[in-house]
Amino acid sequence: MSPLKWTTLKSTHIIGSLIYLTNTRPNITQVVHPLSQFVYAPSNDHHQVDMRVLQYLKQTPRKGIFLNANSETQLKGLTILIRKDVLIQKNL
């Protein structure tokens, strides 16, 4: 396998994992979203940012949202979609 292909596969895996982590670590969303746009054509700069995000996550293990399975706490969400002058609001 060529080095470029390996880097692309590795980047795809890292970004996919980071996107999954945004569910419990919303503070990384602003960095992960732009990175995900370059997942199939990553540059060296993108790889460095990937590593910085992973380093940040390693250094801040208790900064996320902890969801206890036995808790009575309920998560509720709100989705707003604006499309062609129509505002659709959905409570989750």
Protein backbone atom coordinates (compact mmCIF):
# COMPACT_ATOMS: atom_id res chain seq x y z
CA MET A 1 0.00 0.00 0.00
CA SER A 2 1.37 3.40 -0.92
CA PRO A 3 2.17 5.92 1.86
CA LEU A 4 -0.37 8.40 0.50
CA LYS A 5 -3.16 5.82 0.56
CA TRP A 6 -2.21 4.76 4.09
CA THR A 7 -2.27 8.39 5.26
CA THR A 8 -5.71 8.90 3.72
CA LEU A 9 -7.06 5.75 5.37
CA LYS A 10 -5.57 6.72 8.71
CA SER A 11 -6.97 10.24 8.43
CA THR A 12 -10.40 8.86 7.54
CA HIS A 13 -10.35 6.65 10.63
CA ILE A 14 -9.19 9.47 12.94
CA ILE A 15 -11.78 11.96 11.63
CA GLY A 16 -14.54 9.36 11.86
CA SER A 17 -13.62 8.72 15.48
CA LEU A 18 -13.51 12.44 16.24
CA ILE A 19 -16.94 12.96 14.67
CA TYR A 20 -18.29 10.19 16.92
CA LEU A 21 -16.67 11.85 19.95
CA THR A 22 -18.43 15.15 19.28
CA ASN A 23 -21.54 13.55 20.82
CA THR A 24 -19.95 13.64 24.27
CA ARG A 25 -17.29 16.28 23.62
CA PRO A 26 -19.15 19.15 21.90
CA ASN A 27 -16.21 21.48 22.58
CA ILE A 28 -14.26 19.89 19.69
CA THR A 29 -17.04 20.32 17.12
CA GLN A 30 -15.68 23.60 15.71
CA VAL A 31 -12.36 21.94 14.89
CA VAL A 32 -13.65 18.55 13.72
CA HIS A 33 -16.20 19.89 11.21
CA PRO A 34 -13.66 21.73 9.01
CA LEU A 35 -11.25 18.78 9.26
CA SER A 36 -13.96 16.43 8.02
CA GLN A 37 -14.18 18.41 4.78
CA PHE A 38 -10.61 17.38 3.90
CA VAL A 39 -10.82 13.74 4.96
CA TYR A 40 -10.15 12.32 1.47
CA ALA A 41 -7.40 14.80 0.56
CA PRO A 42 -5.55 15.48 3.80
CA SER A 43 -2.43 17.59 3.83
CA ASN A 44 0.38 17.58 6.36
CA ASP A 45 -1.27 20.56 8.08
CA HIS A 46 -4.51 18.60 8.50
CA HIS A 47 -2.59 15.71 10.01
CA GLN A 48 -0.94 18.07 12.51
CA VAL A 49 -4.35 19.43 13.54
CA ASP A 50 -5.64 15.84 13.93
CA MET A 51 -2.76 15.11 16.28
CA ARG A 52 -3.35 18.34 18.25
CA VAL A 53 -7.01 17.43 18.78
CA LEU A 54 -6.05 13.93 19.94
CA GLN A 55 -3.45 15.43 22.27
CA TYR A 56 -6.07 17.83 23.69
CA LEU A 57 -8.47 14.94 24.28
CA LYS A 58 -5.79 12.95 26.06
CA GLN A 59 -4.95 15.89 28.33
CA THR A 60 -8.58 16.70 29.21
CA PRO A 61 -10.28 13.37 29.93
CA ARG A 62 -12.92 14.80 32.29
CA LYS A 63 -14.15 17.66 30.06
CA GLY A 64 -16.85 15.66 28.27
CA ILE A 65 -20.47 14.90 28.98
CA PHE A 66 -20.89 11.77 31.10
CA LEU A 67 -24.12 9.89 30.51
CA ASN A 68 -24.88 7.41 33.27
CA ALA A 69 -27.07 4.50 32.16
CA ASN A 70 -28.83 4.33 35.56
CA SER A 71 -29.58 8.05 35.82
CA GLU A 72 -33.10 9.43 35.50
CA THR A 73 -31.70 12.47 33.68
CA GLN A 74 -33.14 12.84 30.20
CA LEU A 75 -31.43 14.46 27.26
CA LYS A 76 -33.68 16.65 25.19
CA GLY A 77 -32.78 18.35 21.96
CA LEU A 78 -34.15 20.93 19.61
CA THR A 79 -33.69 20.87 15.87
CA ILE A 80 -34.39 23.90 13.72
CA LEU A 81 -34.38 23.62 9.95
CA ILE A 82 -34.72 26.69 7.77
CA ARG A 83 -35.69 25.87 4.19
CA LYS A 84 -37.17 28.11 1.52
CA ASP A 85 -38.77 30.61 3.89
CA VAL A 86 -40.20 27.79 6.04
CA LEU A 87 -39.12 27.36 9.62
CA ILE A 88 -39.49 23.81 10.92
CA GLN A 89 -38.95 23.25 14.64
CA LYS A 90 -38.82 19.77 16.13
CA ASN A 91 -38.47 18.95 19.81
CA LEU A 92 -36.65 15.69 20.38
